[in-house]
């Protein structure tokens, strides 16, 4: 099985991504690191522990990470993910697992050193933890096999979800994203260009009826689906973070091209924009695999089959 570490800011789609990865049976989950993002870090930690307990996977260690971006003030999105970050779907859920003491960046470095060339890091939140790890350990880029990131917008300018040209995860800590993009690690950016083509609808959730995760999926996504309908007129919510896991499970879900990509960190109008030099005007070597197409139907089917399977 592929060794992975997931770096999360557990809101709704992070929770679904964690369950998807665990239930796939294809990933050796070495641990989960948490970061401030959708909600404050203490909520991210609690949500992650609850989701692991729901899945019966209290054996997966959770390592708390950065509680703020490198330079900027924190911003959260409770209006999308609910008061607690997971739609209050597990308010009364009893869990006994606890976070580890080791800091997230140190855990990433330790595991990568112990398993050189074997670990895929799946980052579905702001990239603060990973940036801190790269700054602390220069060899990390050689030790990691690859980094797969949910974030950014490269082709559909004007259709961002934080600023017109910016996606939330990159916007939250653009300085950290820039460090990661220029780290030299094999990096794939699963951007809004493709994730917004993977919708979880009410009828999709109905297919999980009677299964282990039906109630959680329906309740946790309620606020998220309502927001998507009101703001974007979408029939359902985009599976941003699960698609990132899906790409690690099956490369055929996405078509990629490698280009030079940088991050805007100065402009108030475009802070957090991921700028892809398709025409090589800067004459710089490609550093990021960007996504140009998605098998949305195939991915959503696999996601539902995985969460709906028995045992």
Protein backbone atom coordinates (compact mmCIF):
# COMPACT_ATOMS: atom_id res chain seq x y z
CA UNK A 1 0.00 0.00 0.00
CA UNK A 2 1.07 3.56 -0.66
CA UNK A 3 2.36 5.32 2.43
CA UNK A 4 0.61 8.66 2.98
CA UNK A 5 0.35 11.50 5.44
CA UNK A 6 -2.74 13.69 5.23
CA UNK A 7 -2.45 17.36 6.20
CA UNK A 8 -5.94 18.69 6.94
CA UNK A 9 -7.94 21.65 8.26
CA UNK A 10 -10.88 19.40 8.92
CA UNK A 11 -14.04 20.94 7.66
CA UNK A 12 -16.71 19.02 5.78
CA UNK A 13 -14.83 17.93 2.66
CA UNK A 14 -11.66 17.18 4.65
CA UNK A 15 -13.73 14.78 6.76
CA UNK A 16 -15.07 13.10 3.64
CA UNK A 17 -11.55 12.89 2.22
CA UNK A 18 -10.25 11.21 5.38
CA UNK A 19 -13.05 8.63 5.30
CA UNK A 20 -12.50 8.03 1.57
CA UNK A 21 -8.79 7.43 2.07
CA UNK A 22 -9.30 5.12 5.04
CA UNK A 23 -12.09 3.08 3.47
CA UNK A 24 -10.27 2.69 0.14
CA UNK A 25 -8.02 0.03 1.61
CA UNK A 26 -5.25 1.30 -0.66
CA UNK A 27 -3.44 3.70 1.66
CA UNK A 28 -1.13 3.10 4.59
CA UNK A 29 -2.10 6.14 6.66
CA UNK A 30 1.02 6.89 8.68
CA UNK A 31 -0.66 9.83 10.38
CA UNK A 32 -2.72 12.96 9.99
CA UNK A 33 -1.38 16.45 10.63
CA UNK A 34 -3.71 19.34 11.38
CA UNK A 35 -3.55 23.01 10.47
CA UNK A 36 -5.56 26.17 11.06
CA UNK A 37 -7.86 26.86 8.14
CA UNK A 38 -11.56 26.23 7.65
CA UNK A 39 -11.96 26.56 11.43
CA UNK A 40 -9.54 27.24 14.32
CA UNK A 41 -6.97 24.57 15.09
CA UNK A 42 -8.66 23.27 18.24
CA UNK A 43 -11.80 22.54 16.22
CA UNK A 44 -9.74 20.93 13.46
CA UNK A 45 -8.12 18.64 16.02
CA UNK A 46 -11.45 17.62 17.56
CA UNK A 47 -13.09 17.06 14.18
CA UNK A 48 -10.21 14.91 12.97
CA UNK A 49 -10.27 12.75 16.09
CA UNK A 50 -14.05 12.35 15.82
CA UNK A 51 -13.89 11.31 12.17
CA UNK A 52 -11.17 8.74 12.87
CA UNK A 53 -13.23 7.37 15.77
CA UNK A 54 -16.33 7.22 13.56
CA UNK A 55 -14.32 5.14 11.10
CA UNK A 56 -12.99 2.90 13.87
CA UNK A 57 -9.44 4.03 13.12
CA UNK A 58 -8.26 5.44 16.43
CA UNK A 59 -4.90 3.82 15.58
CA UNK A 60 -4.08 6.65 13.16
CA UNK A 61 -2.05 9.29 15.05
CA UNK A 62 -3.05 12.96 14.83
CA UNK A 63 -0.31 15.58 15.12
CA UNK A 64 -1.38 19.20 15.72
CA UNK A 65 0.31 21.83 13.59
CA UNK A 66 0.28 25.55 12.94
CA UNK A 67 -2.50 27.52 14.61
CA UNK A 68 -2.05 30.53 12.28
CA UNK A 69 -0.59 31.41 8.87
CA UNK A 70 3.08 32.34 8.56
CA UNK A 71 2.46 36.10 8.29
CA UNK A 72 -1.23 36.93 8.08
CA UNK A 73 -4.13 36.84 10.49
CA UNK A 74 -6.38 33.77 10.44
CA UNK A 75 -9.65 33.70 8.52
CA UNK A 76 -12.29 31.00 8.93
CA UNK A 77 -15.37 29.91 6.97
CA UNK A 78 -17.99 28.74 9.47
CA UNK A 79 -20.72 29.88 7.06
CA UNK A 80 -19.68 27.03 4.73
CA UNK A 81 -18.68 24.31 7.19
CA UNK A 82 -20.95 25.04 10.14
CA UNK A 83 -20.30 26.26 13.67
CA UNK A 84 -17.90 23.42 14.45
CA UNK A 85 -16.56 22.82 10.92
CA UNK A 86 -18.40 19.58 10.18
CA UNK A 87 -21.99 20.78 10.12
CA UNK A 88 -22.49 19.85 13.80
CA UNK A 89 -22.96 16.29 12.59
CA UNK A 90 -20.98 14.77 15.47
CA UNK A 91 -21.89 17.15 18.30
CA UNK A 92 -22.80 14.35 20.71
CA UNK A 93 -20.25 11.86 19.43
CA UNK A 94 -18.12 10.31 22.17
CA UNK A 95 -14.47 9.75 21.29
CA UNK A 96 -11.50 8.78 23.44
CA UNK A 97 -8.54 9.19 21.09
CA UNK A 98 -6.19 12.09 21.70
CA UNK A 99 -3.71 14.13 19.70
CA UNK A 100 0.00 13.34 19.82
CA UNK A 101 2.46 15.75 21.39
CA UNK A 102 4.87 15.87 18.42
CA UNK A 103 4.39 18.97 16.24
CA UNK A 104 3.08 18.34 12.72
CA UNK A 105 6.12 19.64 10.82
CA UNK A 106 8.45 17.49 12.93
CA UNK A 107 6.29 14.42 12.34
CA UNK A 108 6.38 15.02 8.57
CA UNK A 109 10.17 15.35 8.62
CA UNK A 110 10.63 12.27 10.82
CA UNK A 111 8.41 10.03 8.70
CA UNK A 112 9.92 11.22 5.42
CA UNK A 113 13.42 10.55 6.75
CA UNK A 114 12.39 7.08 7.94
CA UNK A 115 10.71 6.24 4.60
CA UNK A 116 12.73 8.10 1.94
CA UNK A 117 11.06 8.19 -1.46
CA UNK A 118 7.96 6.35 -0.22
CA UNK A 119 5.59 8.95 1.23
CA UNK A 120 2.89 10.88 -0.58
CA UNK A 121 1.79 13.91 1.39
CA UNK A 122 -1.84 14.80 0.68
CA UNK A 123 -2.40 18.43 1.68
CA UNK A 124 -6.03 19.57 1.69
CA UNK A 125 -5.71 22.71 3.81
CA UNK A 126 -3.44 25.74 3.96
CA UNK A 127 0.21 24.77 3.44
CA UNK A 128 1.64 26.25 6.64
CA UNK A 129 2.81 22.95 8.17
CA UNK A 130 4.54 21.84 5.02
CA UNK A 131 6.25 25.20 4.54
CA UNK A 132 7.57 25.04 8.11
CA UNK A 133 8.84 21.52 7.49
CA UNK A 134 10.66 22.52 4.29
CA UNK A 135 12.24 25.49 6.03
CA UNK A 136 13.44 23.33 8.93
CA UNK A 137 14.75 20.37 6.91
CA UNK A 138 16.37 21.13 3.51
CA UNK A 139 16.48 17.42 2.62
CA UNK A 140 12.71 17.00 2.90
CA UNK A 141 12.15 17.62 -0.81
CA UNK A 142 14.40 14.64 -1.58
CA UNK A 143 12.83 12.38 1.03
CA UNK A 144 9.20 12.86 0.00
CA UNK A 145 7.94 10.96 -3.03
CA UNK A 146 5.38 13.65 -3.90
CA UNK A 147 3.02 16.27 -2.56
CA UNK A 148 -0.58 16.39 -3.82
CA UNK A 149 -2.34 19.62 -2.92
CA UNK A 150 -5.97 20.71 -3.02
CA UNK A 151 -5.72 24.36 -3.89
CA UNK A 152 -5.49 27.13 -6.41
CA UNK A 153 -7.11 28.14 -9.65
CA UNK A 154 -5.14 28.14 -12.88
CA UNK A 155 -7.46 28.30 -15.90
CA UNK A 156 -10.81 29.59 -14.69
CA UNK A 157 -9.79 33.08 -13.62
CA UNK A 158 -12.62 35.03 -12.05
CA UNK A 159 -14.18 31.85 -10.62
CA UNK A 160 -12.32 31.62 -7.32
CA UNK A 161 -13.94 30.97 -3.96
CA UNK A 162 -12.12 33.55 -1.82
CA UNK A 163 -11.18 36.30 -4.26
CA UNK A 164 -12.18 36.23 -7.93
CA UNK A 165 -8.79 34.75 -8.84
CA UNK A 166 -7.93 33.03 -5.55
CA UNK A 167 -8.85 29.76 -3.86
CA UNK A 168 -9.26 29.56 -0.07
CA UNK A 169 -6.43 27.17 0.89
CA UNK A 170 -3.79 29.11 -1.03
CA UNK A 171 -5.26 32.48 -0.02
CA UNK A 172 -5.15 31.56 3.66
CA UNK A 173 -1.34 31.29 3.57
CA UNK A 174 0.02 32.29 0.18
CA UNK A 175 3.54 32.73 1.54
CA UNK A 176 3.52 29.11 2.69
CA UNK A 177 2.20 27.94 -0.68
CA UNK A 178 5.00 29.78 -2.46
CA UNK A 179 7.60 27.99 -0.31
CA UNK A 180 6.07 24.61 -1.13
CA UNK A 181 5.76 25.29 -4.86
CA UNK A 182 9.44 26.22 -5.01
CA UNK A 183 10.66 23.39 -2.77
CA UNK A 184 11.74 21.11 -5.60
CA UNK A 185 9.36 18.34 -4.53
CA UNK A 186 7.22 16.62 -7.16
CA UNK A 187 4.01 18.60 -6.68
CA UNK A 188 0.52 18.26 -8.11
CA UNK A 189 -2.10 20.96 -7.66
CA UNK A 190 -5.70 19.71 -7.68
CA UNK A 191 -7.39 23.04 -8.30
CA UNK A 192 -10.89 24.49 -8.42
CA UNK A 193 -10.71 24.09 -12.20
CA UNK A 194 -11.44 20.38 -11.73
CA UNK A 195 -12.81 20.02 -8.20
CA UNK A 196 -15.87 22.16 -9.01
CA UNK A 197 -16.81 19.52 -11.58
CA UNK A 198 -17.27 16.88 -8.87
CA UNK A 199 -20.58 17.50 -7.11
CA UNK A 200 -22.17 15.48 -4.32
CA UNK A 201 -25.93 15.82 -4.74
CA UNK A 202 -28.88 14.83 -2.60
CA UNK A 203 -29.52 11.87 -4.88
CA UNK A 204 -25.89 10.79 -4.49
CA UNK A 205 -26.23 10.85 -0.72
CA UNK A 206 -29.41 8.75 -1.03
CA UNK A 207 -27.28 5.92 -2.45
CA UNK A 208 -25.55 5.67 0.93
CA UNK A 209 -28.87 5.01 2.72
CA UNK A 210 -28.48 2.24 5.29
CA UNK A 211 -24.72 2.47 5.23
CA UNK A 212 -22.23 3.38 7.94
CA UNK A 213 -21.71 6.96 6.77
CA UNK A 214 -25.08 8.02 5.35
CA UNK A 215 -26.23 10.06 8.33
CA UNK A 216 -22.86 11.75 8.76
CA UNK A 217 -22.54 12.63 5.08
CA UNK A 218 -26.05 14.03 4.87
CA UNK A 219 -25.90 16.10 8.05
CA UNK A 220 -22.32 17.32 7.70
CA UNK A 221 -22.89 18.59 4.15
CA UNK A 222 -26.24 20.30 4.79
CA UNK A 223 -24.85 23.80 5.40
CA UNK A 224 -22.23 23.31 2.68
CA UNK A 225 -24.84 22.26 0.10
CA UNK A 226 -27.09 25.19 1.02
CA UNK A 227 -24.18 27.62 0.62
CA UNK A 228 -23.27 26.12 -2.76
CA UNK A 229 -26.84 26.52 -3.96
CA UNK A 230 -27.15 30.12 -2.80
CA UNK A 231 -23.73 31.38 -3.90
CA UNK A 232 -22.93 29.28 -6.98
CA UNK A 233 -26.35 27.85 -7.92
CA UNK A 234 -24.94 24.33 -7.70
CA UNK A 235 -27.05 21.25 -7.08
CA UNK A 236 -24.81 19.79 -4.43
CA UNK A 237 -21.38 20.52 -2.95
CA UNK A 238 -18.02 20.13 -4.64
CA UNK A 239 -15.82 17.29 -3.44
CA UNK A 240 -12.63 19.34 -3.43
CA UNK A 241 -10.61 17.39 -0.88
CA UNK A 242 -11.91 13.90 -1.73
CA UNK A 243 -10.87 14.40 -5.37
CA UNK A 244 -7.32 15.07 -4.15
CA UNK A 245 -7.35 11.71 -2.39
CA UNK A 246 -9.00 10.21 -5.47
CA UNK A 247 -6.06 11.25 -7.63
CA UNK A 248 -3.68 9.41 -5.31
CA UNK A 249 -5.90 6.32 -5.54
CA UNK A 250 -6.39 6.45 -9.32
CA UNK A 251 -4.35 8.72 -11.61
CA UNK A 252 -6.90 8.21 -14.37
CA UNK A 253 -9.37 10.53 -12.60
CA UNK A 254 -7.30 13.56 -13.64
CA UNK A 255 -5.30 14.71 -16.64
CA UNK A 256 -2.25 16.79 -15.75
CA UNK A 257 0.39 18.94 -17.39
CA UNK A 258 3.56 20.30 -15.81
CA UNK A 259 4.15 24.06 -15.95
CA UNK A 260 5.83 26.81 -14.00
CA UNK A 261 3.44 28.06 -11.29
CA UNK A 262 3.97 30.90 -8.83
CA UNK A 263 1.83 32.51 -6.13
CA UNK A 264 0.87 36.17 -5.77
CA UNK A 265 1.69 37.43 -2.28
CA UNK A 266 1.56 41.22 -2.66
CA UNK A 267 -1.52 42.43 -4.53
CA UNK A 268 -4.65 43.06 -2.46
CA UNK A 269 -6.72 42.25 -5.55
CA UNK A 270 -5.00 38.96 -6.31
CA UNK A 271 -3.41 37.73 -3.08
CA UNK A 272 -3.20 33.95 -3.20
CA UNK A 273 -3.62 33.69 -6.98
CA UNK A 274 -1.82 30.70 -8.49
CA UNK A 275 -0.32 31.98 -11.73
CA UNK A 276 0.48 29.33 -14.33
CA UNK A 277 2.88 30.29 -17.12
CA UNK A 278 1.30 28.21 -19.89
CA UNK A 279 3.30 30.01 -22.61
CA UNK A 280 6.63 29.86 -20.74
CA UNK A 281 7.00 33.63 -20.90
CA UNK A 282 9.19 33.57 -17.78
CA UNK A 283 11.39 30.82 -19.25
CA UNK A 284 11.54 28.95 -15.96
CA UNK A 285 11.53 25.18 -15.46
CA UNK A 286 8.13 23.57 -14.73
CA UNK A 287 7.58 23.00 -11.01
CA UNK A 288 3.91 22.01 -10.58
CA UNK A 289 1.61 19.49 -12.23
CA UNK A 290 -1.65 21.32 -12.89
CA UNK A 291 -4.96 19.61 -13.72
CA UNK A 292 -6.53 20.17 -17.12
CA UNK A 293 -9.40 17.67 -17.10
CA UNK A 294 -11.30 15.38 -14.75
CA UNK A 295 -13.40 12.24 -14.97
CA UNK A 296 -15.92 13.68 -12.56
CA UNK A 297 -18.52 10.97 -13.02
CA UNK A 298 -16.02 8.17 -12.56
CA UNK A 299 -14.56 9.76 -9.46
CA UNK A 300 -17.91 10.46 -7.77
CA UNK A 301 -19.01 6.89 -8.47
CA UNK A 302 -15.83 5.54 -6.89
CA UNK A 303 -16.20 7.86 -3.90
CA UNK A 304 -19.77 6.69 -3.26
CA UNK A 305 -18.88 3.03 -3.75
CA UNK A 306 -16.01 3.35 -1.30
CA UNK A 307 -18.02 5.04 1.45
CA UNK A 308 -20.98 2.77 0.85
CA UNK A 309 -19.23 -0.57 0.98
CA UNK A 310 -19.85 -2.89 3.88
CA UNK A 311 -17.32 -3.74 6.53
